[in-house]
Every structure is written in C-alpha cells, then in structure tokens.
PDB file of N, CA and C in Angstrom:
ATOM      1  N   MET A   1       0.589   9.542   6.504  1.00  0.00           N
ATOM      2  CA  MET A   1       1.724   8.799   6.040  1.00  0.00           C
ATOM      3  C   MET A   1       2.967   9.651   6.247  1.00  0.00           C
ATOM      4  N   ASN A   2       3.874   9.220   7.078  1.00  0.00           N
ATOM      5  CA  ASN A   2       5.095   9.958   7.347  1.00  0.00           C
ATOM      6  C   ASN A   2       6.285   9.152   6.872  1.00  0.00           C
ATOM      7  N   THR A   3       6.825   9.533   5.724  1.00  0.00           N
ATOM      8  CA  THR A   3       8.000   8.873   5.194  1.00  0.00           C
ATOM      9  C   THR A   3       9.020   9.947   4.858  1.00  0.00           C
ATOM     10  N   PHE A   4      10.233   9.783   5.322  1.00  0.00           N
ATOM     11  CA  PHE A   4      11.276  10.750   5.043  1.00  0.00           C
ATOM     12  C   PHE A   4      12.161  10.199   3.944  1.00  0.00           C
ATOM     13  N   ARG A   5      12.458  11.040   2.957  1.00  0.00           N
ATOM     14  CA  ARG A   5      13.299  10.625   1.844  1.00  0.00           C
ATOM     15  C   ARG A   5      14.404  11.658   1.687  1.00  0.00           C
ATOM     16  N   TYR A   6      15.525  11.197   1.195  1.00  0.00           N
ATOM     17  CA  TYR A   6      16.662  12.086   0.997  1.00  0.00           C
ATOM     18  C   TYR A   6      16.834  12.498  -0.455  1.00  0.00           C
ATOM     19  N   ARG A   7      16.008  11.978  -1.333  1.00  0.00           N
ATOM     20  CA  ARG A   7      16.068  12.380  -2.727  1.00  0.00           C
ATOM     21  C   ARG A   7      14.660  12.635  -3.218  1.00  0.00           C
ATOM     22  N   LYS A   8      14.576  13.369  -4.292  1.00  0.00           N
ATOM     23  CA  LYS A   8      13.270  13.699  -4.848  1.00  0.00           C
ATOM     24  C   LYS A   8      12.673  12.462  -5.516  1.00  0.00           C
ATOM     25  N   ARG A   9      11.383  12.269  -5.312  1.00  0.00           N
ATOM     26  CA  ARG A   9      10.660  11.161  -5.907  1.00  0.00           C
ATOM     27  C   ARG A   9      10.565  11.370  -7.419  1.00  0.00           C
ATOM     28  N   SER A  10      10.777  10.314  -8.204  1.00  0.00           N
ATOM     29  CA  SER A  10      10.628  10.416  -9.656  1.00  0.00           C
ATOM     30  C   SER A  10       9.147  10.436 -10.011  1.00  0.00           C
ATOM     31  N   ALA A  11       8.845  10.815 -11.244  1.00  0.00           N
ATOM     32  CA  ALA A  11       7.452  10.838 -11.699  1.00  0.00           C
ATOM     33  C   ALA A  11       6.848   9.441 -11.654  1.00  0.00           C
ATOM     34  N   VAL A  12       7.647   8.432 -11.982  1.00  0.00           N
ATOM     35  CA  VAL A  12       7.165   7.046 -11.940  1.00  0.00           C
ATOM     36  C   VAL A  12       6.820   6.656 -10.511  1.00  0.00           C
ATOM     37  N   GLU A  13       7.716   6.939  -9.575  1.00  0.00           N
ATOM     38  CA  GLU A  13       7.461   6.607  -8.169  1.00  0.00           C
ATOM     39  C   GLU A  13       6.238   7.343  -7.641  1.00  0.00           C
ATOM     40  N   ALA A  14       6.107   8.609  -8.000  1.00  0.00           N
ATOM     41  CA  ALA A  14       4.954   9.394  -7.545  1.00  0.00           C
ATOM     42  C   ALA A  14       3.652   8.829  -8.096  1.00  0.00           C
ATOM     43  N   THR A  15       3.665   8.418  -9.360  1.00  0.00           N
ATOM     44  CA  THR A  15       2.471   7.827  -9.970  1.00  0.00           C
ATOM     45  C   THR A  15       2.114   6.513  -9.294  1.00  0.00           C
ATOM     46  N   LEU A  16       3.112   5.656  -9.091  1.00  0.00           N
ATOM     47  CA  LEU A  16       2.862   4.369  -8.440  1.00  0.00           C
ATOM     48  C   LEU A  16       2.381   4.569  -7.005  1.00  0.00           C
ATOM     49  N   LEU A  17       2.954   5.530  -6.301  1.00  0.00           N
ATOM     50  CA  LEU A  17       2.528   5.828  -4.931  1.00  0.00           C
ATOM     51  C   LEU A  17       1.066   6.264  -4.896  1.00  0.00           C
ATOM     52  N   THR A  18       0.671   7.089  -5.848  1.00  0.00           N
ATOM     53  CA  THR A  18      -0.723   7.538  -5.923  1.00  0.00           C
ATOM     54  C   THR A  18      -1.664   6.361  -6.138  1.00  0.00           C
ATOM     55  N   ILE A  19      -1.291   5.456  -7.033  1.00  0.00           N
ATOM     56  CA  ILE A  19      -2.121   4.275  -7.304  1.00  0.00           C
ATOM     57  C   ILE A  19      -2.236   3.407  -6.054  1.00  0.00           C
ATOM     58  N   VAL A  20      -1.108   3.166  -5.386  1.00  0.00           N
ATOM     59  CA  VAL A  20      -1.117   2.329  -4.179  1.00  0.00           C
ATOM     60  C   VAL A  20      -1.989   2.959  -3.101  1.00  0.00           C
ATOM     61  N   MET A  21      -1.862   4.258  -2.884  1.00  0.00           N
ATOM     62  CA  MET A  21      -2.658   4.911  -1.842  1.00  0.00           C
ATOM     63  C   MET A  21      -4.149   4.916  -2.181  1.00  0.00           C
ATOM     64  N   MET A  22      -4.492   4.995  -3.462  1.00  0.00           N
ATOM     65  CA  MET A  22      -5.904   4.876  -3.849  1.00  0.00           C
ATOM     66  C   MET A  22      -6.441   3.502  -3.450  1.00  0.00           C
ATOM     67  N   CYS A  23      -5.639   2.473  -3.651  1.00  0.00           N
ATOM     68  CA  CYS A  23      -6.048   1.112  -3.289  1.00  0.00           C
ATOM     69  C   CYS A  23      -6.180   0.964  -1.774  1.00  0.00           C
ATOM     70  N   VAL A  24      -5.214   1.509  -1.040  1.00  0.00           N
ATOM     71  CA  VAL A  24      -5.237   1.408   0.423  1.00  0.00           C
ATOM     72  C   VAL A  24      -6.441   2.152   0.992  1.00  0.00           C
ATOM     73  N   ARG A  25      -6.723   3.338   0.453  1.00  0.00           N
ATOM     74  CA  ARG A  25      -7.861   4.128   0.950  1.00  0.00           C
ATOM     75  C   ARG A  25      -9.190   3.416   0.732  1.00  0.00           C
ATOM     76  N   GLY A  26      -9.243   2.506  -0.219  1.00  0.00           N
ATOM     77  CA  GLY A  26     -10.465   1.752  -0.478  1.00  0.00           C
ATOM     78  C   GLY A  26     -10.734   0.661   0.546  1.00  0.00           C
ATOM     79  N   GLN A  27      -9.788   0.397   1.425  1.00  0.00           N
ATOM     80  CA  GLN A  27      -9.927  -0.636   2.449  1.00  0.00           C
ATOM     81  C   GLN A  27     -10.325   0.016   3.768  1.00  0.00           C
ATOM     82  N   THR A  28     -11.558  -0.172   4.178  1.00  0.00           N
ATOM     83  CA  THR A  28     -12.036   0.448   5.417  1.00  0.00           C
ATOM     84  C   THR A  28     -11.374  -0.141   6.662  1.00  0.00           C
ATOM     85  N   GLU A  29     -10.783  -1.325   6.527  1.00  0.00           N
ATOM     86  CA  GLU A  29     -10.150  -1.984   7.673  1.00  0.00           C
ATOM     87  C   GLU A  29      -8.767  -1.423   7.991  1.00  0.00           C
ATOM     88  N   VAL A  30      -8.214  -0.610   7.096  1.00  0.00           N
ATOM     89  CA  VAL A  30      -6.859  -0.086   7.265  1.00  0.00           C
ATOM     90  C   VAL A  30      -6.902   1.259   7.985  1.00  0.00           C
ATOM     91  N   ALA A  31      -6.028   1.422   8.983  1.00  0.00           N
ATOM     92  CA  ALA A  31      -5.889   2.705   9.681  1.00  0.00           C
ATOM     93  C   ALA A  31      -4.966   3.587   8.843  1.00  0.00           C
ATOM     94  N   LEU A  32      -5.540   4.538   8.117  1.00  0.00           N
ATOM     95  CA  LEU A  32      -4.784   5.332   7.150  1.00  0.00           C
ATOM     96  C   LEU A  32      -3.719   6.219   7.778  1.00  0.00           C
ATOM     97  N   ASP A  33      -3.909   6.629   9.025  1.00  0.00           N
ATOM     98  CA  ASP A  33      -2.935   7.516   9.657  1.00  0.00           C
ATOM     99  C   ASP A  33      -1.651   6.794  10.051  1.00  0.00           C
ATOM    100  N   ASP A  34      -1.613   5.480   9.911  1.00  0.00           N
ATOM    101  CA  ASP A  34      -0.436   4.691  10.272  1.00  0.00           C
ATOM    102  C   ASP A  34      -0.039   3.805   9.099  1.00  0.00           C
ATOM    103  N   CYS A  35       0.150   4.406   7.932  1.00  0.00           N
ATOM    104  CA  CYS A  35       0.435   3.655   6.718  1.00  0.00           C
ATOM    105  C   CYS A  35       1.686   4.222   6.046  1.00  0.00           C
ATOM    106  N   GLU A  36       2.603   3.333   5.673  1.00  0.00           N
ATOM    107  CA  GLU A  36       3.817   3.722   4.960  1.00  0.00           C
ATOM    108  C   GLU A  36       3.895   2.905   3.677  1.00  0.00           C
ATOM    109  N   VAL A  37       4.332   3.537   2.598  1.00  0.00           N
ATOM    110  CA  VAL A  37       4.464   2.853   1.314  1.00  0.00           C
ATOM    111  C   VAL A  37       5.885   3.053   0.805  1.00  0.00           C
ATOM    112  N   PHE A  38       6.499   1.962   0.373  1.00  0.00           N
ATOM    113  CA  PHE A  38       7.839   1.993  -0.199  1.00  0.00           C
ATOM    114  C   PHE A  38       7.774   1.362  -1.582  1.00  0.00           C
ATOM    115  N   ILE A  39       8.342   2.037  -2.569  1.00  0.00           N
ATOM    116  CA  ILE A  39       8.288   1.553  -3.947  1.00  0.00           C
ATOM    117  C   ILE A  39       9.703   1.510  -4.506  1.00  0.00           C
ATOM    118  N   THR A  40      10.039   0.387  -5.134  1.00  0.00           N
ATOM    119  CA  THR A  40      11.310   0.235  -5.823  1.00  0.00           C
ATOM    120  C   THR A  40      11.009  -0.014  -7.289  1.00  0.00           C
ATOM    121  N   VAL A  41      11.559   0.821  -8.151  1.00  0.00           N
ATOM    122  CA  VAL A  41      11.354   0.673  -9.589  1.00  0.00           C
ATOM    123  C   VAL A  41      12.601   0.031 -10.178  1.00  0.00           C
ATOM    124  N   ALA A  42      12.405  -1.047 -10.940  1.00  0.00           N
ATOM    125  CA  ALA A  42      13.513  -1.777 -11.548  1.00  0.00           C
ATOM    126  C   ALA A  42      13.477  -1.613 -13.066  1.00  0.00           C
ATOM    127  N   GLN A  43      14.524  -2.065 -13.703  1.00  0.00           N
ATOM    128  CA  GLN A  43      14.591  -2.040 -15.166  1.00  0.00           C
ATOM    129  C   GLN A  43      13.562  -3.001 -15.747  1.00  0.00           C
ATOM    130  N   GLY A  44      13.179  -2.764 -16.972  1.00  0.00           N
ATOM    131  CA  GLY A  44      12.274  -3.690 -17.648  1.00  0.00           C
ATOM    132  C   GLY A  44      10.821  -3.540 -17.256  1.00  0.00           C
ATOM    133  N   GLY A  45      10.440  -2.393 -16.717  1.00  0.00           N
ATOM    134  CA  GLY A  45       9.038  -2.164 -16.390  1.00  0.00           C
ATOM    135  C   GLY A  45       8.529  -2.936 -15.187  1.00  0.00           C
ATOM    136  N   ARG A  46       9.416  -3.200 -14.244  1.00  0.00           N
ATOM    137  CA  ARG A  46       9.032  -3.935 -13.042  1.00  0.00           C
ATOM    138  C   ARG A  46       9.137  -3.032 -11.823  1.00  0.00           C
ATOM    139  N   CYS A  47       8.349  -3.352 -10.807  1.00  0.00           N
ATOM    140  CA  CYS A  47       8.430  -2.612  -9.547  1.00  0.00           C
ATOM    141  C   CYS A  47       8.083  -3.541  -8.394  1.00  0.00           C
ATOM    142  N   ARG A  48       8.506  -3.132  -7.221  1.00  0.00           N
ATOM    143  CA  ARG A  48       8.180  -3.837  -5.978  1.00  0.00           C
ATOM    144  C   ARG A  48       7.532  -2.830  -5.046  1.00  0.00           C
ATOM    145  N   VAL A  49       6.484  -3.265  -4.371  1.00  0.00           N
ATOM    146  CA  VAL A  49       5.740  -2.390  -3.470  1.00  0.00           C
ATOM    147  C   VAL A  49       5.716  -3.027  -2.086  1.00  0.00           C
ATOM    148  N   THR A  50       5.997  -2.232  -1.070  1.00  0.00           N
ATOM    149  CA  THR A  50       5.845  -2.669   0.313  1.00  0.00           C
ATOM    150  C   THR A  50       4.922  -1.676   1.007  1.00  0.00           C
ATOM    151  N   VAL A  51       3.875  -2.198   1.621  1.00  0.00           N
ATOM    152  CA  VAL A  51       2.934  -1.373   2.379  1.00  0.00           C
ATOM    153  C   VAL A  51       3.005  -1.826   3.832  1.00  0.00           C
ATOM    154  N   LYS A  52       3.368  -0.900   4.724  1.00  0.00           N
ATOM    155  CA  LYS A  52       3.381  -1.173   6.163  1.00  0.00           C
ATOM    156  C   LYS A  52       2.195  -0.431   6.744  1.00  0.00           C
ATOM    157  N   MET A  53       1.313  -1.176   7.419  1.00  0.00           N
ATOM    158  CA  MET A  53       0.060  -0.555   7.858  1.00  0.00           C
ATOM    159  C   MET A  53      -0.459  -1.187   9.139  1.00  0.00           C
ATOM    160  N   SER A  54      -1.426  -0.516   9.721  1.00  0.00           N
ATOM    161  CA  SER A  54      -2.160  -1.047  10.869  1.00  0.00           C
ATOM    162  C   SER A  54      -3.568  -1.385  10.405  1.00  0.00           C
ATOM    163  N   ILE A  55      -4.106  -2.450  10.977  1.00  0.00           N
ATOM    164  CA  ILE A  55      -5.451  -2.905  10.613  1.00  0.00           C
ATOM    165  C   ILE A  55      -6.331  -2.832  11.850  1.00  0.00           C
ATOM    166  N   ARG A  56      -7.563  -2.488  11.633  1.00  0.00           N
ATOM    167  CA  ARG A  56      -8.520  -2.390  12.738  1.00  0.00           C
ATOM    168  C   ARG A  56      -8.777  -3.779  13.342  1.00  0.00           C
ATOM    169  N   TYR A  57      -8.786  -3.831  14.659  1.00  0.00           N
ATOM    170  CA  TYR A  57      -9.019  -5.077  15.388  1.00  0.00           C
ATOM    171  C   TYR A  57     -10.359  -5.680  14.971  1.00  0.00           C
ATOM    172  N   GLY A  58     -10.360  -6.981  14.738  1.00  0.00           N
ATOM    173  CA  GLY A  58     -11.576  -7.689  14.355  1.00  0.00           C
ATOM    174  C   GLY A  58     -11.697  -7.916  12.858  1.00  0.00           C
ATOM    175  N   ALA A  59     -10.896  -7.222  12.068  1.00  0.00           N
ATOM    176  CA  ALA A  59     -10.930  -7.406  10.614  1.00  0.00           C
ATOM    177  C   ALA A  59     -10.229  -8.722  10.262  1.00  0.00           C
ATOM    178  N   PRO A  60     -10.653  -9.382   9.193  1.00  0.00           N
ATOM    179  CA  PRO A  60      -9.989 -10.619   8.760  1.00  0.00           C
ATOM    180  C   PRO A  60      -8.636 -10.283   8.116  1.00  0.00           C
ATOM    181  N   VAL A  61      -7.580 -10.322   8.893  1.00  0.00           N
ATOM    182  CA  VAL A  61      -6.266  -9.818   8.491  1.00  0.00           C
ATOM    183  C   VAL A  61      -5.764 -10.458   7.198  1.00  0.00           C
ATOM    184  N   MET A  62      -5.763 -11.772   7.122  1.00  0.00           N
ATOM    185  CA  MET A  62      -5.237 -12.449   5.929  1.00  0.00           C
ATOM    186  C   MET A  62      -6.034 -12.085   4.684  1.00  0.00           C
ATOM    187  N   GLU A  63      -7.334 -12.025   4.803  1.00  0.00           N
ATOM    188  CA  GLU A  63      -8.183 -11.696   3.653  1.00  0.00           C
ATOM    189  C   GLU A  63      -7.964 -10.252   3.206  1.00  0.00           C
ATOM    190  N   VAL A  64      -7.866  -9.339   4.150  1.00  0.00           N
ATOM    191  CA  VAL A  64      -7.610  -7.932   3.818  1.00  0.00           C
ATOM    192  C   VAL A  64      -6.275  -7.811   3.079  1.00  0.00           C
ATOM    193  N   CYS A  65      -5.248  -8.486   3.571  1.00  0.00           N
ATOM    194  CA  CYS A  65      -3.926  -8.426   2.939  1.00  0.00           C
ATOM    195  C   CYS A  65      -3.946  -9.027   1.539  1.00  0.00           C
ATOM    196  N   ARG A  66      -4.585 -10.176   1.376  1.00  0.00           N
ATOM    197  CA  ARG A  66      -4.673 -10.806   0.044  1.00  0.00           C
ATOM    198  C   ARG A  66      -5.398  -9.910  -0.950  1.00  0.00           C
ATOM    199  N   GLN A  67      -6.525  -9.363  -0.535  1.00  0.00           N
ATOM    200  CA  GLN A  67      -7.291  -8.485  -1.418  1.00  0.00           C
ATOM    201  C   GLN A  67      -6.490  -7.248  -1.795  1.00  0.00           C
ATOM    202  N   LEU A  68      -5.801  -6.675  -0.834  1.00  0.00           N
ATOM    203  CA  LEU A  68      -5.017  -5.474  -1.100  1.00  0.00           C
ATOM    204  C   LEU A  68      -3.851  -5.776  -2.043  1.00  0.00           C
ATOM    205  N   GLN A  69      -3.166  -6.892  -1.831  1.00  0.00           N
ATOM    206  CA  GLN A  69      -2.082  -7.284  -2.735  1.00  0.00           C
ATOM    207  C   GLN A  69      -2.588  -7.404  -4.169  1.00  0.00           C
ATOM    208  N   GLN A  70      -3.673  -8.121  -4.338  1.00  0.00           N
ATOM    209  CA  GLN A  70      -4.229  -8.343  -5.668  1.00  0.00           C
ATOM    210  C   GLN A  70      -4.682  -7.027  -6.295  1.00  0.00           C
ATOM    211  N   HIS A  71      -5.371  -6.207  -5.522  1.00  0.00           N
ATOM    212  CA  HIS A  71      -5.891  -4.941  -6.032  1.00  0.00           C
ATOM    213  C   HIS A  71      -4.756  -4.009  -6.473  1.00  0.00           C
ATOM    214  N   ILE A  72      -3.708  -3.912  -5.675  1.00  0.00           N
ATOM    215  CA  ILE A  72      -2.568  -3.057  -6.021  1.00  0.00           C
ATOM    216  C   ILE A  72      -1.908  -3.543  -7.308  1.00  0.00           C
ATOM    217  N   ALA A  73      -1.640  -4.843  -7.402  1.00  0.00           N
ATOM    218  CA  ALA A  73      -0.996  -5.393  -8.603  1.00  0.00           C
ATOM    219  C   ALA A  73      -1.849  -5.162  -9.846  1.00  0.00           C
ATOM    220  N   GLU A  74      -3.153  -5.378  -9.734  1.00  0.00           N
ATOM    221  CA  GLU A  74      -4.053  -5.189 -10.872  1.00  0.00           C
ATOM    222  C   GLU A  74      -4.121  -3.729 -11.306  1.00  0.00           C
ATOM    223  N   GLU A  75      -4.201  -2.815 -10.351  1.00  0.00           N
ATOM    224  CA  GLU A  75      -4.302  -1.393 -10.685  1.00  0.00           C
ATOM    225  C   GLU A  75      -3.012  -0.868 -11.307  1.00  0.00           C
ATOM    226  N   ILE A  76      -1.869  -1.303 -10.806  1.00  0.00           N
ATOM    227  CA  ILE A  76      -0.595  -0.884 -11.404  1.00  0.00           C
ATOM    228  C   ILE A  76      -0.514  -1.376 -12.841  1.00  0.00           C
ATOM    229  N   ALA A  77      -0.889  -2.633 -13.080  1.00  0.00           N
ATOM    230  CA  ALA A  77      -0.850  -3.188 -14.439  1.00  0.00           C
ATOM    231  C   ALA A  77      -1.832  -2.484 -15.368  1.00  0.00           C
ATOM    232  N   ALA A  78      -2.997  -2.111 -14.848  1.00  0.00           N
ATOM    233  CA  ALA A  78      -4.026  -1.482 -15.679  1.00  0.00           C
ATOM    234  C   ALA A  78      -3.711  -0.020 -15.993  1.00  0.00           C
ATOM    235  N   MET A  79      -3.051   0.673 -15.067  1.00  0.00           N
ATOM    236  CA  MET A  79      -2.878   2.118 -15.213  1.00  0.00           C
ATOM    237  C   MET A  79      -1.488   2.554 -15.667  1.00  0.00           C
ATOM    238  N   THR A  80      -0.536   1.627 -15.672  1.00  0.00           N
ATOM    239  CA  THR A  80       0.839   1.972 -16.053  1.00  0.00           C
ATOM    240  C   THR A  80       1.419   0.851 -16.911  1.00  0.00           C
ATOM    241  N   PRO A  81       2.575   1.091 -17.519  1.00  0.00           N
ATOM    242  CA  PRO A  81       3.245   0.004 -18.240  1.00  0.00           C
ATOM    243  C   PRO A  81       4.072  -0.889 -17.309  1.00  0.00           C
ATOM    244  N   TYR A  82       3.944  -0.692 -16.011  1.00  0.00           N
ATOM    245  CA  TYR A  82       4.730  -1.457 -15.041  1.00  0.00           C
ATOM    246  C   TYR A  82       3.982  -2.688 -14.549  1.00  0.00           C
ATOM    247  N   VAL A  83       4.768  -3.665 -14.114  1.00  0.00           N
ATOM    248  CA  VAL A  83       4.233  -4.889 -13.515  1.00  0.00           C
ATOM    249  C   VAL A  83       4.789  -4.970 -12.102  1.00  0.00           C
ATOM    250  N   ALA A  84       3.917  -5.181 -11.142  1.00  0.00           N
ATOM    251  CA  ALA A  84       4.357  -5.343  -9.751  1.00  0.00           C
ATOM    252  C   ALA A  84       4.820  -6.780  -9.566  1.00  0.00           C
ATOM    253  N   GLU A  85       6.134  -6.964  -9.502  1.00  0.00           N
ATOM    254  CA  GLU A  85       6.656  -8.321  -9.331  1.00  0.00           C
ATOM    255  C   GLU A  85       6.464  -8.805  -7.900  1.00  0.00           C
ATOM    256  N   ALA A  86       6.250  -7.876  -6.975  1.00  0.00           N
ATOM    257  CA  ALA A  86       5.952  -8.241  -5.587  1.00  0.00           C
ATOM    258  C   ALA A  86       5.174  -7.110  -4.933  1.00  0.00           C
ATOM    259  N   VAL A  87       4.173  -7.492  -4.159  1.00  0.00           N
ATOM    260  CA  VAL A  87       3.440  -6.545  -3.320  1.00  0.00           C
ATOM    261  C   VAL A  87       3.457  -7.140  -1.917  1.00  0.00           C
ATOM    262  N   ASP A  88       4.302  -6.582  -1.079  1.00  0.00           N
ATOM    263  CA  ASP A  88       4.453  -7.080   0.289  1.00  0.00           C
ATOM    264  C   ASP A  88       3.625  -6.219   1.232  1.00  0.00           C
ATOM    265  N   ILE A  89       2.823  -6.880   2.049  1.00  0.00           N
ATOM    266  CA  ILE A  89       1.998  -6.193   3.036  1.00  0.00           C
ATOM    267  C   ILE A  89       2.528  -6.557   4.420  1.00  0.00           C
ATOM    268  N   VAL A  90       2.873  -5.551   5.198  1.00  0.00           N
ATOM    269  CA  VAL A  90       3.359  -5.757   6.560  1.00  0.00           C
ATOM    270  C   VAL A  90       2.334  -5.145   7.509  1.00  0.00           C
ATOM    271  N   VAL A  91       1.769  -5.975   8.373  1.00  0.00           N
ATOM    272  CA  VAL A  91       0.826  -5.471   9.374  1.00  0.00           C
ATOM    273  C   VAL A  91       1.633  -5.149  10.624  1.00  0.00           C
ATOM    274  N   LYS A  92       1.730  -3.853  10.929  1.00  0.00           N
ATOM    275  CA  LYS A  92       2.527  -3.397  12.071  1.00  0.00           C
ATOM    276  C   LYS A  92       1.827  -3.658  13.392  1.00  0.00           C
ATOM    277  N   ARG A  93       0.513  -3.463  13.392  1.00  0.00           N
ATOM    278  CA  ARG A  93      -0.240  -3.660  14.637  1.00  0.00           C
ATOM    279  C   ARG A  93      -1.726  -3.677  14.337  1.00  0.00           C
ATOM    280  N   LEU A  94      -2.486  -4.102  15.331  1.00  0.00           N
ATOM    281  CA  LEU A  94      -3.943  -4.041  15.267  1.00  0.00           C
ATOM    282  C   LEU A  94      -4.394  -2.832  16.077  1.00  0.00           C
ATOM    283  N   VAL A  95      -5.361  -2.112  15.556  1.00  0.00           N
ATOM    284  CA  VAL A  95      -5.850  -0.893  16.191  1.00  0.00           C
ATOM    285  C   VAL A  95      -7.223  -1.168  16.780  1.00  0.00           C
ATOM    286  N   MET A  96      -7.385  -0.868  18.048  1.00  0.00           N
ATOM    287  CA  MET A  96      -8.680  -1.040  18.704  1.00  0.00           C
ATOM    288  C   MET A  96      -9.647   0.024  18.201  1.00  0.00           C
ATOM    289  N   PRO A  97     -10.920  -0.340  18.022  1.00  0.00           N
ATOM    290  CA  PRO A  97     -11.899   0.659  17.577  1.00  0.00           C
ATOM    291  C   PRO A  97     -12.103   1.724  18.653  1.00  0.00           C
ATOM    292  N   GLU A  98     -12.382   2.933  18.193  1.00  0.00           N
ATOM    293  CA  GLU A  98     -12.623   4.025  19.138  1.00  0.00           C
ATOM    294  C   GLU A  98     -13.992   3.852  19.774  1.00  0.00           C
ATOM    295  N   LYS A  99     -14.076   4.142  21.070  1.00  0.00           N
ATOM    296  CA  LYS A  99     -15.353   4.045  21.779  1.00  0.00           C
ATOM    297  C   LYS A  99     -16.065   5.377  21.700  1.00  0.00           C
ATOM    298  N   ASN A 100     -17.355   5.333  21.454  1.00  0.00           N
ATOM    299  CA  ASN A 100     -18.155   6.565  21.418  1.00  0.00           C
ATOM    300  C   ASN A 100     -18.419   7.043  22.843  1.00  0.00           C
ATOM    301  N   ALA A 101     -18.307   8.317  23.045  1.00  0.00           N
ATOM    302  CA  ALA A 101     -18.504   8.872  24.393  1.00  0.00           C
ATOM    303  C   ALA A 101     -19.961   9.042  24.714  1.00  0.00           C
TER     304      ALA A 101
END
C-alpha cells in the first residue's frame, strides 16, 4: 500500500485503517500489493472509507465488493464508537493469475 500524506495520521485514522486492512487481507480475491485506503473522519462519530484495489481475474467482482463493504462497516461498528456512513470500493483493475513455471 503506497499512500503519501502531508500530515500525521491521527490515532482514530490509524485505528480505522488497521481495521479496514484486516478486512481487506481476509479477501483472497484482492491483490494486496495494489491497495489504497482513504479514511475521512467526521463529527458525530461518523467516517467514510474508500478502498481502491485490484481484484484477481475470475473472481465475482460485485460479490467481493458487497461482502467487503459489509464486513468493513460491521467491523468498524463493532470495534470502535464510529459508524461508517459510506464504504466505497473502487476496482482499479483485474489482475491475471500468475502462471507456474
């Protein structure tokens, strides 16, 4: 995950990022080396999450995205006092499986 920031991440953002990445790592269809996460924390215990990722070719894209959205929202609600008002999943590309030599 390569994301450049110009300010230090807050403890809340770091915690939410950790939760989101735990959820993403649980999806075998996601190419982890091409994943970006953006989190916006709002007043009133709300947050917005955007995950930009690549999915392995042949995976059911819509189902993977729906499951990931639901899983992220549920985990944030269960582990923090925050509510994810939106979890946006952006599929950047499909990744072809590696061929064994």
